[in-house]
Every structure is written in structure tokens, then in C-alpha cells.
Amino acid sequence: MPGFVLDAGATALCAHGGKASPSLSMPRVKVMGKPVVTQPPPYLVTGCPFTVGTSPMPCVSASWLTASVRVRVQGQPLLLTTSRALTAPNGVPLNLVPGQTRVKAT
């Protein structure tokens, strides 16, 4: 499914409000001056306030389930604004707020 290319500056939040950021970006390829992000490296989640009873159970990371099928960077699929990710250990989706809206891929 086509979507805008996700750059390292795009905002991603877990369903509980924790901020997710890429653990690795591809600095050799940039969109609007920011490095693009590819599928395999996970996103790291910080500041997730989720608790079960009195026990904290914050989202810690997010793994991407979908990415670009045609465009690759150094052999890895690009992440798009239409890509889907689930957090660990809670399994909730990441919500994306796109950073750039000029470059699209499929």
C-alpha cells in the first residue's frame, strides 16, 4: 500500500502515549534533510505509563509488520506512513504522525 516515506523525525506513539523512536536510521538516504527508516531495526519506546493494577507494564519496543514492497535502502524495505507496528510486551499498535508529505513510495 503506498504511503509517505517515514523519516527519523516522524512522531510515533504507543496507544498509551509513550514516545517511540527508531533505534537505527539510514543516514546515507535523506528525505527533506532527515534520514529515512527501514523495517528490521525496532523502534524503542520511552515514557509509556501503562500499568496493570499496581505493576508497571510499559511498552518497551515496537516491531514493524509491514513496509514498502518496491523501494529498498541498502537491501531493506523502507517504512511508510501506512506501515504497521506492534509494541512489546503489550501488543498495542503504534500511531504515526508523518513528518514529511512530499515523497511517496509503494
N, C-alpha and C. Protein backbone atom coordinates (compact mmCIF):
# COMPACT_ATOMS: atom_id res chain seq x y z
N MET A 1 0.84 -1.16 0.00
CA MET A 1 0.00 0.00 0.00
C MET A 1 0.90 1.24 0.00
N PRO A 2 0.66 2.20 -0.91
CA PRO A 2 1.51 3.38 -0.97
C PRO A 2 1.34 4.27 0.26
N GLY A 3 2.39 5.00 0.55
CA GLY A 3 2.35 5.94 1.67
C GLY A 3 3.57 6.84 1.63
N PHE A 4 3.57 7.85 2.46
CA PHE A 4 4.73 8.74 2.54
C PHE A 4 5.87 8.02 3.24
N VAL A 5 7.09 8.29 2.79
CA VAL A 5 8.28 7.68 3.39
C VAL A 5 8.46 8.22 4.80
N LEU A 6 8.69 7.32 5.74
CA LEU A 6 8.87 7.69 7.13
C LEU A 6 10.32 8.13 7.35
N ASP A 7 10.49 9.30 7.92
CA ASP A 7 11.83 9.76 8.24
C ASP A 7 12.07 9.67 9.74
N ALA A 8 13.30 9.84 10.14
CA ALA A 8 13.66 9.69 11.56
C ALA A 8 13.00 10.73 12.44
N GLY A 9 12.49 11.80 11.88
CA GLY A 9 11.84 12.85 12.66
C GLY A 9 10.35 12.67 12.84
N ALA A 10 9.76 11.65 12.23
CA ALA A 10 8.31 11.43 12.36
C ALA A 10 7.97 11.03 13.79
N THR A 11 6.82 11.45 14.26
CA THR A 11 6.38 11.14 15.61
C THR A 11 5.61 9.82 15.62
N ALA A 12 5.99 8.94 16.54
CA ALA A 12 5.30 7.67 16.73
C ALA A 12 5.00 7.51 18.22
N LEU A 13 3.76 7.15 18.52
CA LEU A 13 3.33 6.98 19.91
C LEU A 13 2.69 5.63 20.10
N CYS A 14 2.93 5.00 21.25
CA CYS A 14 2.21 3.78 21.56
C CYS A 14 0.79 4.18 21.96
N ALA A 15 -0.11 3.24 22.06
CA ALA A 15 -1.51 3.52 22.38
C ALA A 15 -1.66 4.16 23.76
N HIS A 16 -0.66 4.04 24.62
CA HIS A 16 -0.72 4.60 25.97
C HIS A 16 -0.07 5.98 26.06
N GLY A 17 0.53 6.44 24.98
CA GLY A 17 1.14 7.77 24.96
C GLY A 17 2.65 7.79 25.07
N GLY A 18 3.31 6.63 25.11
CA GLY A 18 4.77 6.60 25.14
C GLY A 18 5.33 6.97 23.78
N LYS A 19 6.45 7.67 23.76
CA LYS A 19 7.07 8.10 22.50
C LYS A 19 8.00 7.03 21.97
N ALA A 20 7.84 6.70 20.70
CA ALA A 20 8.69 5.70 20.05
C ALA A 20 9.62 6.39 19.06
N SER A 21 10.86 5.93 19.03
CA SER A 21 11.83 6.48 18.08
C SER A 21 12.67 5.35 17.50
N PRO A 22 13.19 5.55 16.29
CA PRO A 22 13.95 4.47 15.66
C PRO A 22 15.26 4.19 16.39
N SER A 23 15.59 2.91 16.49
CA SER A 23 16.87 2.55 17.10
C SER A 23 18.00 2.70 16.10
N LEU A 24 17.66 2.77 14.81
CA LEU A 24 18.65 2.92 13.74
C LEU A 24 17.98 3.56 12.54
N SER A 25 18.67 4.50 11.91
CA SER A 25 18.18 5.11 10.68
C SER A 25 19.23 4.93 9.60
N MET A 26 18.90 5.28 8.38
CA MET A 26 19.83 5.16 7.26
C MET A 26 20.32 6.55 6.88
N PRO A 27 21.43 7.01 7.45
CA PRO A 27 21.88 8.39 7.22
C PRO A 27 22.34 8.68 5.80
N ARG A 28 22.57 7.65 4.99
CA ARG A 28 23.02 7.89 3.62
C ARG A 28 21.88 8.32 2.71
N VAL A 29 20.63 8.02 3.11
CA VAL A 29 19.47 8.40 2.31
C VAL A 29 18.61 9.33 3.16
N LYS A 30 18.34 10.52 2.63
CA LYS A 30 17.58 11.50 3.39
C LYS A 30 16.37 11.97 2.60
N VAL A 31 15.33 12.33 3.35
CA VAL A 31 14.12 12.92 2.79
C VAL A 31 13.88 14.21 3.55
N MET A 32 13.84 15.32 2.85
CA MET A 32 13.66 16.63 3.47
C MET A 32 14.73 16.88 4.54
N GLY A 33 15.95 16.36 4.32
CA GLY A 33 17.06 16.58 5.22
C GLY A 33 17.15 15.64 6.41
N LYS A 34 16.21 14.70 6.53
CA LYS A 34 16.23 13.76 7.65
C LYS A 34 16.43 12.35 7.13
N PRO A 35 17.18 11.50 7.86
CA PRO A 35 17.43 10.13 7.41
C PRO A 35 16.13 9.31 7.36
N VAL A 36 16.05 8.39 6.40
CA VAL A 36 14.90 7.50 6.31
C VAL A 36 15.08 6.34 7.28
N VAL A 37 13.98 5.61 7.51
CA VAL A 37 13.98 4.48 8.45
C VAL A 37 13.54 3.22 7.71
N THR A 38 14.21 2.11 7.99
CA THR A 38 13.88 0.84 7.35
C THR A 38 13.24 -0.13 8.33
N GLN A 39 12.71 -1.23 7.81
CA GLN A 39 11.90 -2.14 8.61
C GLN A 39 12.61 -2.94 9.71
N PRO A 40 13.69 -3.64 9.48
CA PRO A 40 14.17 -4.56 10.52
C PRO A 40 14.51 -3.96 11.88
N PRO A 41 15.21 -2.83 11.98
CA PRO A 41 15.53 -2.35 13.33
C PRO A 41 14.25 -1.95 14.08
N PRO A 42 14.12 -2.32 15.34
CA PRO A 42 12.92 -1.96 16.09
C PRO A 42 12.94 -0.49 16.51
N TYR A 43 11.79 0.00 16.86
CA TYR A 43 11.67 1.31 17.49
C TYR A 43 11.75 1.10 19.00
N LEU A 44 12.31 2.05 19.71
CA LEU A 44 12.39 1.98 21.17
C LEU A 44 11.34 2.94 21.75
N VAL A 45 10.59 2.46 22.73
CA VAL A 45 9.51 3.24 23.33
C VAL A 45 9.95 3.74 24.70
N THR A 46 9.76 5.03 24.95
CA THR A 46 10.09 5.61 26.26
C THR A 46 8.88 6.37 26.79
N GLY A 47 8.75 6.39 28.09
CA GLY A 47 7.69 7.18 28.72
C GLY A 47 6.31 6.57 28.67
N CYS A 48 6.19 5.27 28.46
CA CYS A 48 4.88 4.63 28.43
C CYS A 48 4.39 4.46 29.88
N PRO A 49 3.22 5.01 30.21
CA PRO A 49 2.74 4.97 31.58
C PRO A 49 1.87 3.75 31.92
N PHE A 50 1.75 2.79 31.03
CA PHE A 50 0.80 1.68 31.22
C PHE A 50 1.13 0.85 32.46
N THR A 51 0.11 0.56 33.26
CA THR A 51 0.25 -0.29 34.44
C THR A 51 -0.89 -1.29 34.48
N VAL A 52 -0.65 -2.43 35.11
CA VAL A 52 -1.68 -3.43 35.36
C VAL A 52 -1.80 -3.52 36.87
N GLY A 53 -2.92 -3.03 37.41
CA GLY A 53 -3.04 -2.94 38.86
C GLY A 53 -2.04 -1.94 39.38
N THR A 54 -1.10 -2.42 40.16
CA THR A 54 -0.04 -1.54 40.68
C THR A 54 1.31 -1.84 40.04
N SER A 55 1.33 -2.78 39.11
CA SER A 55 2.59 -3.17 38.46
C SER A 55 2.78 -2.44 37.14
N PRO A 56 3.89 -1.73 36.98
CA PRO A 56 4.16 -1.09 35.69
C PRO A 56 4.41 -2.14 34.61
N MET A 57 3.80 -1.94 33.45
CA MET A 57 3.98 -2.82 32.28
C MET A 57 4.16 -1.94 31.04
N PRO A 58 5.17 -1.10 31.01
CA PRO A 58 5.31 -0.17 29.88
C PRO A 58 5.68 -0.86 28.58
N CYS A 59 5.27 -0.23 27.49
CA CYS A 59 5.74 -0.67 26.18
C CYS A 59 7.23 -0.32 26.11
N VAL A 60 8.05 -1.24 25.58
CA VAL A 60 9.49 -1.05 25.56
C VAL A 60 10.02 -0.90 24.14
N SER A 61 9.47 -1.66 23.21
CA SER A 61 9.93 -1.60 21.82
C SER A 61 8.75 -1.86 20.90
N ALA A 62 8.97 -1.65 19.62
CA ALA A 62 7.94 -1.90 18.61
C ALA A 62 8.59 -2.53 17.39
N SER A 63 7.98 -3.58 16.90
CA SER A 63 8.47 -4.26 15.69
C SER A 63 7.50 -4.00 14.54
N TRP A 64 8.06 -3.74 13.38
CA TRP A 64 7.26 -3.40 12.20
C TRP A 64 6.80 -4.65 11.49
N LEU A 65 5.51 -4.69 11.15
CA LEU A 65 4.92 -5.83 10.46
C LEU A 65 4.87 -5.63 8.95
N THR A 66 4.73 -4.38 8.51
CA THR A 66 4.63 -4.08 7.08
C THR A 66 5.58 -2.94 6.72
N ALA A 67 5.97 -2.90 5.46
CA ALA A 67 6.85 -1.84 4.95
C ALA A 67 6.68 -1.77 3.44
N SER A 68 7.49 -0.96 2.80
CA SER A 68 7.45 -0.82 1.35
C SER A 68 7.76 -2.16 0.68
N VAL A 69 7.05 -2.45 -0.41
CA VAL A 69 7.31 -3.69 -1.13
C VAL A 69 8.20 -3.46 -2.36
N ARG A 70 8.32 -2.23 -2.80
CA ARG A 70 9.10 -1.96 -4.01
C ARG A 70 10.38 -1.17 -3.77
N VAL A 71 10.40 -0.33 -2.76
CA VAL A 71 11.54 0.55 -2.54
C VAL A 71 12.35 0.04 -1.35
N ARG A 72 13.67 -0.08 -1.58
CA ARG A 72 14.58 -0.57 -0.53
C ARG A 72 15.77 0.37 -0.40
N VAL A 73 16.31 0.40 0.79
CA VAL A 73 17.53 1.15 1.06
C VAL A 73 18.54 0.17 1.64
N GLN A 74 19.65 0.01 0.98
CA GLN A 74 20.68 -0.95 1.35
C GLN A 74 20.07 -2.33 1.58
N GLY A 75 19.14 -2.70 0.70
CA GLY A 75 18.53 -4.02 0.73
C GLY A 75 17.40 -4.20 1.72
N GLN A 76 17.04 -3.16 2.46
CA GLN A 76 15.98 -3.27 3.47
C GLN A 76 14.78 -2.42 3.06
N PRO A 77 13.54 -2.91 3.29
CA PRO A 77 12.36 -2.15 2.91
C PRO A 77 12.20 -0.87 3.74
N LEU A 78 11.78 0.19 3.06
CA LEU A 78 11.52 1.46 3.73
C LEU A 78 10.24 1.39 4.55
N LEU A 79 10.21 2.13 5.65
CA LEU A 79 8.97 2.28 6.40
C LEU A 79 8.17 3.42 5.80
N LEU A 80 6.85 3.24 5.77
CA LEU A 80 5.94 4.23 5.21
C LEU A 80 4.93 4.64 6.29
N THR A 81 4.23 5.72 6.03
CA THR A 81 3.20 6.15 6.98
C THR A 81 2.06 5.14 7.06
N THR A 82 1.96 4.25 6.09
CA THR A 82 0.93 3.21 6.10
C THR A 82 1.44 1.91 6.72
N SER A 83 2.70 1.87 7.14
CA SER A 83 3.28 0.68 7.78
C SER A 83 2.65 0.47 9.15
N ARG A 84 2.62 -0.78 9.59
CA ARG A 84 2.02 -1.13 10.89
C ARG A 84 3.06 -1.75 11.80
N ALA A 85 2.97 -1.41 13.09
CA ALA A 85 3.89 -1.96 14.10
C ALA A 85 3.12 -2.29 15.36
N LEU A 86 3.61 -3.29 16.08
CA LEU A 86 3.06 -3.65 17.38
C LEU A 86 4.15 -3.52 18.44
N THR A 87 3.75 -3.09 19.62
CA THR A 87 4.71 -2.90 20.71
C THR A 87 4.89 -4.20 21.49
N ALA A 88 6.02 -4.26 22.18
CA ALA A 88 6.28 -5.37 23.08
C ALA A 88 6.47 -4.77 24.47
N PRO A 89 5.99 -5.36 25.49
CA PRO A 89 5.32 -6.64 25.60
C PRO A 89 3.81 -6.58 25.47
N ASN A 90 3.22 -5.40 25.24
CA ASN A 90 1.76 -5.25 25.33
C ASN A 90 0.99 -5.53 24.04
N GLY A 91 1.65 -5.49 22.89
CA GLY A 91 0.99 -5.81 21.62
C GLY A 91 0.00 -4.76 21.13
N VAL A 92 0.21 -3.51 21.49
CA VAL A 92 -0.66 -2.44 21.00
C VAL A 92 0.00 -1.79 19.79
N PRO A 93 -0.79 -1.21 18.88
CA PRO A 93 -0.21 -0.60 17.68
C PRO A 93 0.45 0.74 17.97
N LEU A 94 1.40 1.09 17.10
CA LEU A 94 1.98 2.42 17.13
C LEU A 94 1.11 3.34 16.28
N ASN A 95 0.95 4.56 16.72
CA ASN A 95 0.23 5.58 15.97
C ASN A 95 1.27 6.53 15.38
N LEU A 96 1.22 6.74 14.07
CA LEU A 96 2.22 7.57 13.38
C LEU A 96 1.65 8.93 13.01
N VAL A 97 2.47 9.95 13.20
CA VAL A 97 2.18 11.29 12.71
C VAL A 97 3.28 11.59 11.70
N PRO A 98 2.95 11.61 10.41
CA PRO A 98 4.00 11.76 9.40
C PRO A 98 4.75 13.07 9.55
N GLY A 99 6.07 12.98 9.28
CA GLY A 99 6.91 14.16 9.33
C GLY A 99 6.90 14.91 8.02
N GLN A 100 7.11 14.19 6.93
CA GLN A 100 7.16 14.83 5.61
C GLN A 100 6.02 14.33 4.75
N THR A 101 5.55 15.16 3.85
CA THR A 101 4.43 14.77 2.98
C THR A 101 4.73 15.09 1.52
N ARG A 102 5.97 14.84 1.10
CA ARG A 102 6.34 15.07 -0.30
C ARG A 102 6.72 13.79 -1.03
N VAL A 103 7.42 12.88 -0.36
CA VAL A 103 7.94 11.70 -1.02
C VAL A 103 7.10 10.50 -0.67
N LYS A 104 6.55 9.85 -1.72
CA LYS A 104 5.73 8.64 -1.54
C LYS A 104 6.44 7.44 -2.12
N ALA A 105 6.09 6.25 -1.61
CA ALA A 105 6.64 5.00 -2.13
C ALA A 105 5.57 3.92 -1.99
N THR A 106 5.82 2.78 -2.66
CA THR A 106 4.91 1.64 -2.51
C THR A 106 5.68 0.43 -2.06
